[in-house]
C-alpha atoms as a PDB file:
ATOM      1  CA  MET A   1      17.480  13.453  14.711  1.00  0.00           C
ATOM      2  CA  ARG A   2      15.356  16.151  13.032  1.00  0.00           C
ATOM      3  CA  HIS A   3      11.828  15.308  12.220  1.00  0.00           C
ATOM      4  CA  PRO A   4       9.988  16.672   9.493  1.00  0.00           C
ATOM      5  CA  HIS A   5       7.600  19.769   9.838  1.00  0.00           C
ATOM      6  CA  ARG A   6       4.234  18.927  10.799  1.00  0.00           C
ATOM      7  CA  LEU A   7       0.867  20.469   9.530  1.00  0.00           C
ATOM      8  CA  SER A   8      -1.351  22.403  11.198  1.00  0.00           C
ATOM      9  CA  PRO A   9      -3.743  20.453  13.779  1.00  0.00           C
ATOM     10  CA  VAL A  10      -6.730  21.321  11.858  1.00  0.00           C
ATOM     11  CA  GLN A  11      -5.260  19.383   8.872  1.00  0.00           C
ATOM     12  CA  TYR A  12      -5.352  16.063  10.599  1.00  0.00           C
ATOM     13  CA  LEU A  13      -9.145  16.165  11.103  1.00  0.00           C
ATOM     14  CA  GLY A  14     -11.620  14.718   9.046  1.00  0.00           C
ATOM     15  CA  ALA A  15     -11.614  12.346   6.058  1.00  0.00           C
ATOM     16  CA  ALA A  16      -8.210  12.793   4.325  1.00  0.00           C
ATOM     17  CA  ARG A  17      -5.535   9.776   3.388  1.00  0.00           C
ATOM     18  CA  TYR A  18      -2.217   9.710   5.352  1.00  0.00           C
ATOM     19  CA  SER A  19       0.817   7.713   4.781  1.00  0.00           C
ATOM     20  CA  LEU A  20       2.460   6.840   8.255  1.00  0.00           C
ATOM     21  CA  THR A  21       5.662   5.682   9.432  1.00  0.00           C
ATOM     22  CA  PHE A  22       6.208   4.146  13.005  1.00  0.00           C
ATOM     23  CA  CYS A  23       9.727   3.483  14.288  1.00  0.00           C
ATOM     24  CA  CYS A  24      10.818   1.742  17.266  1.00  0.00           C
ATOM     25  CA  LYS A  25      13.134   3.568  19.511  1.00  0.00           C
ATOM     26  CA  GLY A  26      16.709   3.180  18.369  1.00  0.00           C
ATOM     27  CA  ARG A  27      15.513   0.802  15.461  1.00  0.00           C
ATOM     28  CA  THR A  28      15.350  -1.983  17.577  1.00  0.00           C
ATOM     29  CA  PRO A  29      13.626  -5.030  15.890  1.00  0.00           C
ATOM     30  CA  TRP A  30      10.954  -5.584  18.587  1.00  0.00           C
ATOM     31  CA  LEU A  31       8.382  -6.372  15.441  1.00  0.00           C
ATOM     32  CA  SER A  32      10.630  -9.674  14.950  1.00  0.00           C
ATOM     33  CA  GLN A  33       8.996 -11.141  17.574  1.00  0.00           C
ATOM     34  CA  HIS A  34       5.844 -12.843  16.395  1.00  0.00           C
ATOM     35  CA  ASP A  35       3.755 -12.307  19.424  1.00  0.00           C
ATOM     36  CA  VAL A  36       4.957  -8.592  19.726  1.00  0.00           C
ATOM     37  CA  ALA A  37       4.060  -7.843  15.882  1.00  0.00           C
ATOM     38  CA  GLY A  38       0.534  -9.638  16.436  1.00  0.00           C
ATOM     39  CA  MET A  39      -0.008  -7.521  19.513  1.00  0.00           C
ATOM     40  CA  VAL A  40       0.798  -4.193  17.375  1.00  0.00           C
ATOM     41  CA  ARG A  41      -1.141  -5.193  14.751  1.00  0.00           C
ATOM     42  CA  ASP A  42      -4.382  -5.937  16.731  1.00  0.00           C
ATOM     43  CA  GLN A  43      -4.148  -2.654  18.360  1.00  0.00           C
ATOM     44  CA  LEU A  44      -3.525  -0.847  15.171  1.00  0.00           C
ATOM     45  CA  LEU A  45      -6.724  -2.183  13.782  1.00  0.00           C
ATOM     46  CA  ARG A  46      -8.515  -1.706  16.961  1.00  0.00           C
ATOM     47  CA  THR A  47      -7.197   1.924  17.371  1.00  0.00           C
ATOM     48  CA  ALA A  48      -8.420   2.726  13.745  1.00  0.00           C
ATOM     49  CA  ALA A  49     -11.772   1.681  14.252  1.00  0.00           C
ATOM     50  CA  ASP A  50     -12.276   3.318  17.570  1.00  0.00           C
ATOM     51  CA  HIS A  51     -11.225   6.815  15.640  1.00  0.00           C
ATOM     52  CA  HIS A  52     -12.725   6.436  12.426  1.00  0.00           C
ATOM     53  CA  PHE A  53      -9.763   5.343  10.414  1.00  0.00           C
ATOM     54  CA  ALA A  54      -9.885   2.922   7.695  1.00  0.00           C
ATOM     55  CA  ILE A  55      -6.525   1.003   7.538  1.00  0.00           C
ATOM     56  CA  HIS A  56      -5.986   0.710   3.549  1.00  0.00           C
ATOM     57  CA  ALA A  57      -2.525  -1.105   4.415  1.00  0.00           C
ATOM     58  CA  TYR A  58      -0.085  -1.904   6.845  1.00  0.00           C
ATOM     59  CA  CYS A  59       3.260  -3.558   6.799  1.00  0.00           C
ATOM     60  CA  LEU A  60       5.276  -4.713  10.190  1.00  0.00           C
ATOM     61  CA  MET A  61       8.825  -4.718   9.448  1.00  0.00           C
ATOM     62  CA  PRO A  62      11.510  -5.896  12.211  1.00  0.00           C
ATOM     63  CA  ASP A  63      12.158  -1.967  13.352  1.00  0.00           C
ATOM     64  CA  HIS A  64       9.115  -0.065  11.912  1.00  0.00           C
ATOM     65  CA  VAL A  65       5.698  -0.116  11.026  1.00  0.00           C
ATOM     66  CA  HIS A  66       4.025   1.505   7.680  1.00  0.00           C
ATOM     67  CA  VAL A  67       0.590   2.429   7.735  1.00  0.00           C
ATOM     68  CA  LEU A  68      -1.745   3.642   4.945  1.00  0.00           C
ATOM     69  CA  CYS A  69      -5.076   4.864   6.565  1.00  0.00           C
ATOM     70  CA  GLU A  70      -7.932   7.330   5.864  1.00  0.00           C
ATOM     71  CA  GLY A  71     -10.169   9.191   7.971  1.00  0.00           C
ATOM     72  CA  THR A  72     -13.560   7.474   7.393  1.00  0.00           C
ATOM     73  CA  ASP A  73     -15.629  11.053   8.429  1.00  0.00           C
ATOM     74  CA  ASP A  74     -15.655  14.280  10.211  1.00  0.00           C
ATOM     75  CA  GLU A  75     -14.899  12.902  13.642  1.00  0.00           C
ATOM     76  CA  ALA A  76     -11.466  11.162  12.436  1.00  0.00           C
ATOM     77  CA  ASP A  77      -8.533  12.902  14.198  1.00  0.00           C
ATOM     78  CA  LEU A  78      -5.256  11.328  13.308  1.00  0.00           C
ATOM     79  CA  LEU A  79      -3.158  13.383  16.014  1.00  0.00           C
ATOM     80  CA  GLU A  80      -5.733  11.248  18.608  1.00  0.00           C
ATOM     81  CA  PHE A  81      -5.669   8.004  16.555  1.00  0.00           C
ATOM     82  CA  VAL A  82      -1.686   8.179  16.483  1.00  0.00           C
ATOM     83  CA  ARG A  83      -1.318   9.186  20.151  1.00  0.00           C
ATOM     84  CA  LEU A  84      -3.782   6.302  21.487  1.00  0.00           C
ATOM     85  CA  PHE A  85      -1.883   3.804  19.463  1.00  0.00           C
ATOM     86  CA  LYS A  86       1.307   4.562  20.722  1.00  0.00           C
ATOM     87  CA  GLN A  87      -0.343   4.771  24.184  1.00  0.00           C
ATOM     88  CA  ARG A  88      -1.384   1.257  23.899  1.00  0.00           C
ATOM     89  CA  THR A  89       1.665  -0.445  22.152  1.00  0.00           C
ATOM     90  CA  ALA A  90       4.454   1.826  24.318  1.00  0.00           C
ATOM     91  CA  TYR A  91       3.839  -0.057  27.531  1.00  0.00           C
ATOM     92  CA  LEU A  92       4.457  -3.433  25.743  1.00  0.00           C
ATOM     93  CA  PHE A  93       8.444  -1.850  25.063  1.00  0.00           C
ATOM     94  CA  LYS A  94       8.397   0.638  27.771  1.00  0.00           C
ATOM     95  CA  ARG A  95       9.993   2.647  25.160  1.00  0.00           C
ATOM     96  CA  LYS A  96       8.338   5.347  22.472  1.00  0.00           C
ATOM     97  CA  THR A  97       8.172   5.103  18.685  1.00  0.00           C
ATOM     98  CA  GLY A  98       9.012   7.452  16.422  1.00  0.00           C
ATOM     99  CA  PHE A  99       6.289   8.772  14.120  1.00  0.00           C
ATOM    100  CA  PHE A 100       6.540  10.282  10.664  1.00  0.00           C
ATOM    101  CA  ASP A 101       3.516  11.320   8.354  1.00  0.00           C
ATOM    102  CA  ARG A 102       2.625  12.208   5.042  1.00  0.00           C
ATOM    103  CA  HIS A 103      -0.527  13.813   3.674  1.00  0.00           C
ATOM    104  CA  LEU A 104      -1.612  11.862   0.587  1.00  0.00           C
ATOM    105  CA  ARG A 105      -2.867  14.139  -2.258  1.00  0.00           C
ATOM    106  CA  ALA A 106      -6.303  13.780  -3.435  1.00  0.00           C
ATOM    107  CA  ASP A 107      -4.918  13.007  -6.892  1.00  0.00           C
ATOM    108  CA  GLU A 108      -2.509  10.421  -5.724  1.00  0.00           C
ATOM    109  CA  ASP A 109      -3.357   6.716  -6.924  1.00  0.00           C
ATOM    110  CA  LEU A 110      -4.590   4.730  -3.832  1.00  0.00           C
ATOM    111  CA  LEU A 111      -4.003   1.181  -5.143  1.00  0.00           C
ATOM    112  CA  GLN A 112      -0.389   2.281  -5.994  1.00  0.00           C
ATOM    113  CA  ALA A 113       0.518   3.707  -2.364  1.00  0.00           C
ATOM    114  CA  ILE A 114      -0.968   0.610  -1.136  1.00  0.00           C
ATOM    115  CA  ARG A 115       1.136  -1.326  -3.221  1.00  0.00           C
ATOM    116  CA  TYR A 116       4.341   0.360  -1.778  1.00  0.00           C
ATOM    117  CA  VAL A 117       3.515  -0.068   1.693  1.00  0.00           C
ATOM    118  CA  LEU A 118       2.986  -3.690   0.985  1.00  0.00           C
ATOM    119  CA  ALA A 119       6.334  -4.058  -1.016  1.00  0.00           C
ATOM    120  CA  ASN A 120       8.478  -3.418   1.949  1.00  0.00           C
ATOM    121  CA  PRO A 121       9.511  -6.722   3.093  1.00  0.00           C
ATOM    122  CA  VAL A 122      10.365  -7.422  -0.929  1.00  0.00           C
ATOM    123  CA  ARG A 123      12.562  -4.264  -0.946  1.00  0.00           C
ATOM    124  CA  ALA A 124      14.373  -5.021   2.126  1.00  0.00           C
ATOM    125  CA  GLY A 125      14.920  -8.375   1.008  1.00  0.00           C
ATOM    126  CA  LEU A 126      13.332 -10.523   3.679  1.00  0.00           C
ATOM    127  CA  VAL A 127      11.479 -11.846   1.272  1.00  0.00           C
ATOM    128  CA  ASP A 128      10.682 -12.831  -2.445  1.00  0.00           C
ATOM    129  CA  ARG A 129       7.042 -12.082  -2.377  1.00  0.00           C
ATOM    130  CA  VAL A 130       4.571 -10.060  -0.409  1.00  0.00           C
ATOM    131  CA  GLU A 131       2.457 -12.632   0.552  1.00  0.00           C
ATOM    132  CA  ALA A 132       5.316 -14.507   2.010  1.00  0.00           C
ATOM    133  CA  TRP A 133       5.638 -11.862   4.748  1.00  0.00           C
ATOM    134  CA  PRO A 134       3.159 -12.605   7.777  1.00  0.00           C
ATOM    135  CA  HIS A 135       2.571  -9.196   8.977  1.00  0.00           C
ATOM    136  CA  VAL A 136       1.115  -7.521   6.096  1.00  0.00           C
ATOM    137  CA  GLY A 137      -2.933  -6.635   5.294  1.00  0.00           C
ATOM    138  CA  GLY A 138      -5.434  -3.974   5.101  1.00  0.00           C
ATOM    139  CA  THR A 139      -9.001  -3.634   6.062  1.00  0.00           C
ATOM    140  CA  THR A 140     -10.130  -1.940   2.615  1.00  0.00           C
ATOM    141  CA  LEU A 141      -9.554  -4.024   0.214  1.00  0.00           C
ATOM    142  CA  PRO A 142      -8.956  -8.014   0.068  1.00  0.00           C
ATOM    143  CA  LEU A 143      -5.047  -8.887   0.042  1.00  0.00           C
ATOM    144  CA  GLU A 144      -5.538 -11.230  -2.816  1.00  0.00           C
ATOM    145  CA  GLU A 145      -6.977  -8.357  -4.907  1.00  0.00           C
ATOM    146  CA  ILE A 146      -3.719  -6.078  -4.418  1.00  0.00           C
ATOM    147  CA  LEU A 147      -1.596  -9.060  -4.638  1.00  0.00           C
ATOM    148  CA  SER A 148      -3.229  -9.966  -7.746  1.00  0.00           C
ATOM    149  CA  SER A 149      -2.919  -6.590  -9.316  1.00  0.00           C
ATOM    150  CA  MET A 150       0.833  -6.328  -8.377  1.00  0.00           C
ATOM    151  CA  THR A 151       1.947  -9.204 -10.908  1.00  0.00           C
END
C-alpha cells in the first residue's frame, strides 16, 4: 500500500492542527473489544497531554481511529506524539498500526472538522446517532455542545 507524501519534519512542530487516522494492521477490528478501545482512548489522551496536544475530537471505529488534534505550544511535536502513542498501544496487539495525516489549513472550520470526525460511526452505518457510539469525544469542547450544533 502506498502512503501519502509526508511533510518536512519541521512542519510537524508547534501549534498546528492535524487530522490523523490510525489503522489497525490488516484492518483487523481490534477496537470492537470494549476493553481494547478503552485502553487505546486512554493512551491517546495521556500521550496527547504529555506531548502538548489538545484533542478536539476522536472516534474509535472497529478497525481504525480518527483524531483531530492541535499542538498547544512550540513544544508540540506531532511525530513524537504519534511515535509514542503507537509504542504505548502496539504491545497490546503485538502489531503496528498504520498512520495517515493531513495538516489543517488555518481557514478550515474547526467545528466542521470535529463534526466530521465524530460522525464516522453514523456514516459507517454502525449507529443512527453519534451519541449512541461509545467511543467518541474530545478534550476541548463539551460533546453535548458539538452534538447540539450537528442537528
